[in-house]
Amino acid sequence: MSDILHQLYTRIASRKTHAPPESYTAKLFAAGEDEIVKKIGEEAIEVIVATKGQGNERIVAETADLIYHTMVLLALRGIEWRAVEDELARRFR
C-alpha cells in the first residue's frame, strides 16, 4: 500500500498522545468513539451521495474523508493500519 497511508496513520495515532489544541484529529479523540463512528457514517453517506451525481472529484474527496475518519477509529482502538492491509492481502490471495 501507499506510503502516504502509513504516514497519515502515524500522524493520526500520534495525536492521541501529542494533541495540539488546534488539531482536528485530537478533537475527535477527545470527543470519543461515538463521535468518530458518527463521522464515519456521515462520510459513508457523502460518498454515496457524491456517486449519485456530484462527479468523480467529489467521490475522491469524500472517499479520502472516509478513510481518514476510519483511521482515527482504528488508532483510537489501538489497531494498526497494517492490520487492514494484512486483511486485504489475505483476501486477495
N, C-alpha and C. Protein backbone atom coordinates (compact mmCIF):
# COMPACT_ATOMS: atom_id res chain seq x y z
N MET A 1 0.84 -1.19 0.00
CA MET A 1 0.00 0.00 0.00
C MET A 1 0.88 1.25 0.00
N SER A 2 0.26 2.34 -0.17
CA SER A 2 0.93 3.61 -0.31
C SER A 2 1.61 4.07 0.98
N ASP A 3 2.77 4.64 0.83
CA ASP A 3 3.50 5.20 1.96
C ASP A 3 2.71 6.34 2.59
N ILE A 4 1.94 7.07 1.79
CA ILE A 4 1.17 8.19 2.35
C ILE A 4 0.15 7.69 3.37
N LEU A 5 -0.40 6.51 3.16
CA LEU A 5 -1.36 5.97 4.13
C LEU A 5 -0.67 5.65 5.45
N HIS A 6 0.54 5.14 5.38
CA HIS A 6 1.30 4.88 6.61
C HIS A 6 1.65 6.19 7.31
N GLN A 7 2.07 7.18 6.55
CA GLN A 7 2.39 8.49 7.13
C GLN A 7 1.16 9.11 7.78
N LEU A 8 0.04 9.04 7.10
CA LEU A 8 -1.19 9.59 7.65
C LEU A 8 -1.58 8.87 8.93
N TYR A 9 -1.55 7.54 8.92
CA TYR A 9 -1.92 6.79 10.12
C TYR A 9 -0.98 7.13 11.28
N THR A 10 0.32 7.23 11.01
CA THR A 10 1.28 7.56 12.05
C THR A 10 0.97 8.92 12.66
N ARG A 11 0.65 9.88 11.83
CA ARG A 11 0.32 11.22 12.35
C ARG A 11 -0.97 11.17 13.17
N ILE A 12 -1.97 10.48 12.65
CA ILE A 12 -3.24 10.35 13.38
C ILE A 12 -2.99 9.72 14.75
N ALA A 13 -2.28 8.61 14.77
CA ALA A 13 -2.02 7.91 16.03
C ALA A 13 -1.25 8.78 17.01
N SER A 14 -0.36 9.62 16.50
CA SER A 14 0.43 10.49 17.39
C SER A 14 -0.43 11.53 18.08
N ARG A 15 -1.56 11.85 17.50
CA ARG A 15 -2.45 12.85 18.09
C ARG A 15 -3.15 12.35 19.36
N LYS A 16 -3.09 11.04 19.60
CA LYS A 16 -3.65 10.51 20.85
C LYS A 16 -2.83 10.97 22.05
N THR A 17 -1.52 11.10 21.87
CA THR A 17 -0.66 11.48 22.99
C THR A 17 -0.08 12.88 22.86
N HIS A 18 0.04 13.37 21.65
CA HIS A 18 0.54 14.73 21.41
C HIS A 18 -0.56 15.50 20.71
N ALA A 19 -1.40 16.14 21.50
CA ALA A 19 -2.62 16.73 20.97
C ALA A 19 -2.55 18.25 20.95
N PRO A 20 -2.06 18.84 19.86
CA PRO A 20 -2.10 20.29 19.76
C PRO A 20 -3.55 20.77 19.83
N PRO A 21 -3.81 21.86 20.51
CA PRO A 21 -5.20 22.31 20.69
C PRO A 21 -5.94 22.58 19.38
N GLU A 22 -5.22 22.93 18.32
CA GLU A 22 -5.87 23.24 17.05
C GLU A 22 -6.09 22.01 16.18
N SER A 23 -5.64 20.85 16.63
CA SER A 23 -5.72 19.63 15.83
C SER A 23 -7.14 19.06 15.79
N TYR A 24 -7.67 18.95 14.59
CA TYR A 24 -8.99 18.34 14.41
C TYR A 24 -8.97 16.90 14.88
N THR A 25 -7.89 16.19 14.57
CA THR A 25 -7.77 14.80 14.97
C THR A 25 -7.80 14.67 16.49
N ALA A 26 -7.07 15.51 17.18
CA ALA A 26 -7.06 15.49 18.65
C ALA A 26 -8.46 15.77 19.20
N LYS A 27 -9.19 16.66 18.55
CA LYS A 27 -10.55 16.96 18.98
C LYS A 27 -11.46 15.74 18.78
N LEU A 28 -11.25 15.01 17.71
CA LEU A 28 -12.03 13.78 17.51
C LEU A 28 -11.73 12.76 18.61
N PHE A 29 -10.45 12.57 18.92
CA PHE A 29 -10.10 11.65 20.01
C PHE A 29 -10.76 12.07 21.32
N ALA A 30 -10.73 13.36 21.59
CA ALA A 30 -11.32 13.87 22.83
C ALA A 30 -12.84 13.67 22.85
N ALA A 31 -13.46 13.74 21.69
CA ALA A 31 -14.91 13.58 21.60
C ALA A 31 -15.33 12.14 21.84
N GLY A 32 -14.45 11.21 21.52
CA GLY A 32 -14.72 9.81 21.82
C GLY A 32 -15.23 8.99 20.65
N GLU A 33 -15.36 7.70 20.92
CA GLU A 33 -15.72 6.73 19.89
C GLU A 33 -17.06 7.01 19.23
N ASP A 34 -18.06 7.37 20.00
CA ASP A 34 -19.38 7.62 19.41
C ASP A 34 -19.33 8.72 18.36
N GLU A 35 -18.59 9.78 18.64
CA GLU A 35 -18.48 10.88 17.68
C GLU A 35 -17.70 10.45 16.44
N ILE A 36 -16.65 9.68 16.63
CA ILE A 36 -15.86 9.20 15.50
C ILE A 36 -16.70 8.29 14.61
N VAL A 37 -17.44 7.38 15.22
CA VAL A 37 -18.31 6.49 14.44
C VAL A 37 -19.38 7.28 13.69
N LYS A 38 -19.90 8.30 14.32
CA LYS A 38 -20.88 9.17 13.67
C LYS A 38 -20.27 9.82 12.43
N LYS A 39 -19.03 10.30 12.55
CA LYS A 39 -18.36 10.92 11.40
C LYS A 39 -18.14 9.90 10.28
N ILE A 40 -17.79 8.66 10.63
CA ILE A 40 -17.62 7.63 9.61
C ILE A 40 -18.93 7.41 8.86
N GLY A 41 -20.03 7.35 9.59
CA GLY A 41 -21.34 7.19 8.96
C GLY A 41 -21.67 8.34 8.03
N GLU A 42 -21.40 9.57 8.49
CA GLU A 42 -21.66 10.75 7.65
C GLU A 42 -20.83 10.70 6.38
N GLU A 43 -19.57 10.35 6.52
CA GLU A 43 -18.70 10.31 5.35
C GLU A 43 -19.11 9.21 4.38
N ALA A 44 -19.53 8.07 4.89
CA ALA A 44 -20.00 6.99 4.01
C ALA A 44 -21.21 7.45 3.20
N ILE A 45 -22.12 8.14 3.85
CA ILE A 45 -23.29 8.67 3.15
C ILE A 45 -22.87 9.68 2.10
N GLU A 46 -21.88 10.53 2.43
CA GLU A 46 -21.40 11.53 1.48
C GLU A 46 -20.75 10.88 0.26
N VAL A 47 -20.09 9.74 0.44
CA VAL A 47 -19.54 9.01 -0.71
C VAL A 47 -20.68 8.56 -1.61
N ILE A 48 -21.73 8.04 -1.02
CA ILE A 48 -22.89 7.57 -1.79
C ILE A 48 -23.54 8.72 -2.54
N VAL A 49 -23.77 9.83 -1.86
CA VAL A 49 -24.40 11.00 -2.49
C VAL A 49 -23.52 11.51 -3.63
N ALA A 50 -22.21 11.58 -3.40
CA ALA A 50 -21.29 12.04 -4.45
C ALA A 50 -21.36 11.14 -5.67
N THR A 51 -21.48 9.85 -5.44
CA THR A 51 -21.55 8.88 -6.53
C THR A 51 -22.80 9.07 -7.37
N LYS A 52 -23.85 9.55 -6.75
CA LYS A 52 -25.13 9.70 -7.44
C LYS A 52 -25.30 11.09 -8.06
N GLY A 53 -24.19 11.71 -8.46
CA GLY A 53 -24.38 12.92 -9.25
C GLY A 53 -23.46 14.09 -8.97
N GLN A 54 -22.45 13.91 -8.14
CA GLN A 54 -21.58 15.05 -7.84
C GLN A 54 -20.22 14.96 -8.53
N GLY A 55 -19.99 13.92 -9.28
CA GLY A 55 -18.77 13.82 -10.06
C GLY A 55 -17.63 13.12 -9.35
N ASN A 56 -16.67 12.73 -10.16
CA ASN A 56 -15.55 11.93 -9.67
C ASN A 56 -14.67 12.66 -8.67
N GLU A 57 -14.44 13.95 -8.86
CA GLU A 57 -13.61 14.70 -7.91
C GLU A 57 -14.23 14.67 -6.52
N ARG A 58 -15.53 14.82 -6.46
CA ARG A 58 -16.23 14.79 -5.17
C ARG A 58 -16.17 13.39 -4.56
N ILE A 59 -16.29 12.36 -5.38
CA ILE A 59 -16.17 10.98 -4.89
C ILE A 59 -14.79 10.78 -4.25
N VAL A 60 -13.76 11.24 -4.92
CA VAL A 60 -12.40 11.11 -4.40
C VAL A 60 -12.26 11.83 -3.07
N ALA A 61 -12.75 13.05 -2.99
CA ALA A 61 -12.64 13.84 -1.76
C ALA A 61 -13.38 13.18 -0.60
N GLU A 62 -14.57 12.70 -0.87
CA GLU A 62 -15.36 12.08 0.20
C GLU A 62 -14.77 10.74 0.61
N THR A 63 -14.20 10.00 -0.35
CA THR A 63 -13.55 8.75 -0.01
C THR A 63 -12.33 9.00 0.87
N ALA A 64 -11.58 10.05 0.57
CA ALA A 64 -10.44 10.42 1.42
C ALA A 64 -10.90 10.73 2.84
N ASP A 65 -12.00 11.46 2.97
CA ASP A 65 -12.55 11.76 4.30
C ASP A 65 -12.96 10.49 5.03
N LEU A 66 -13.56 9.56 4.30
CA LEU A 66 -13.99 8.29 4.91
C LEU A 66 -12.79 7.48 5.40
N ILE A 67 -11.75 7.42 4.60
CA ILE A 67 -10.54 6.69 5.01
C ILE A 67 -9.91 7.35 6.22
N TYR A 68 -9.80 8.67 6.20
CA TYR A 68 -9.23 9.41 7.34
C TYR A 68 -9.99 9.10 8.63
N HIS A 69 -11.29 9.24 8.62
CA HIS A 69 -12.08 9.01 9.83
C HIS A 69 -12.02 7.55 10.28
N THR A 70 -11.92 6.64 9.33
CA THR A 70 -11.75 5.23 9.67
C THR A 70 -10.41 5.01 10.35
N MET A 71 -9.38 5.67 9.87
CA MET A 71 -8.07 5.58 10.51
C MET A 71 -8.10 6.13 11.94
N VAL A 72 -8.85 7.18 12.15
CA VAL A 72 -8.98 7.73 13.51
C VAL A 72 -9.58 6.67 14.43
N LEU A 73 -10.62 5.99 13.97
CA LEU A 73 -11.24 4.93 14.78
C LEU A 73 -10.24 3.81 15.06
N LEU A 74 -9.51 3.39 14.05
CA LEU A 74 -8.51 2.34 14.24
C LEU A 74 -7.49 2.76 15.29
N ALA A 75 -6.99 3.98 15.17
CA ALA A 75 -5.99 4.47 16.12
C ALA A 75 -6.56 4.54 17.54
N LEU A 76 -7.80 4.98 17.64
CA LEU A 76 -8.44 5.04 18.95
C LEU A 76 -8.46 3.67 19.60
N ARG A 77 -8.75 2.66 18.80
CA ARG A 77 -8.84 1.28 19.29
C ARG A 77 -7.48 0.59 19.40
N GLY A 78 -6.41 1.27 18.96
CA GLY A 78 -5.09 0.66 19.01
C GLY A 78 -4.86 -0.37 17.93
N ILE A 79 -5.60 -0.26 16.85
CA ILE A 79 -5.47 -1.18 15.72
C ILE A 79 -4.58 -0.51 14.68
N GLU A 80 -3.49 -1.16 14.34
CA GLU A 80 -2.56 -0.60 13.37
C GLU A 80 -3.14 -0.65 11.95
N TRP A 81 -2.80 0.32 11.14
CA TRP A 81 -3.23 0.34 9.73
C TRP A 81 -2.75 -0.93 9.03
N ARG A 82 -1.62 -1.43 9.45
CA ARG A 82 -1.06 -2.63 8.85
C ARG A 82 -2.04 -3.80 8.95
N ALA A 83 -2.85 -3.85 10.00
CA ALA A 83 -3.83 -4.93 10.15
C ALA A 83 -4.85 -4.91 9.02
N VAL A 84 -5.23 -3.73 8.57
CA VAL A 84 -6.16 -3.60 7.45
C VAL A 84 -5.48 -4.07 6.17
N GLU A 85 -4.24 -3.64 5.98
CA GLU A 85 -3.50 -4.09 4.81
C GLU A 85 -3.34 -5.60 4.79
N ASP A 86 -3.03 -6.16 5.95
CA ASP A 86 -2.87 -7.61 6.04
C ASP A 86 -4.17 -8.34 5.70
N GLU A 87 -5.28 -7.81 6.16
CA GLU A 87 -6.58 -8.43 5.85
C GLU A 87 -6.88 -8.35 4.37
N LEU A 88 -6.59 -7.21 3.76
CA LEU A 88 -6.80 -7.08 2.31
C LEU A 88 -5.91 -8.06 1.55
N ALA A 89 -4.66 -8.18 1.97
CA ALA A 89 -3.75 -9.11 1.32
C ALA A 89 -4.25 -10.54 1.48
N ARG A 90 -4.74 -10.89 2.65
CA ARG A 90 -5.28 -12.23 2.88
C ARG A 90 -6.44 -12.51 1.94
N ARG A 91 -7.31 -11.54 1.76
CA ARG A 91 -8.47 -11.71 0.88
C ARG A 91 -8.05 -11.81 -0.58
N PHE A 92 -7.01 -11.11 -0.95
CA PHE A 92 -6.55 -11.11 -2.34
C PHE A 92 -5.95 -12.45 -2.74
N ARG A 93 -5.33 -13.10 -1.78
CA ARG A 93 -4.71 -14.39 -2.07
C ARG A 93 -5.78 -15.35 -2.39
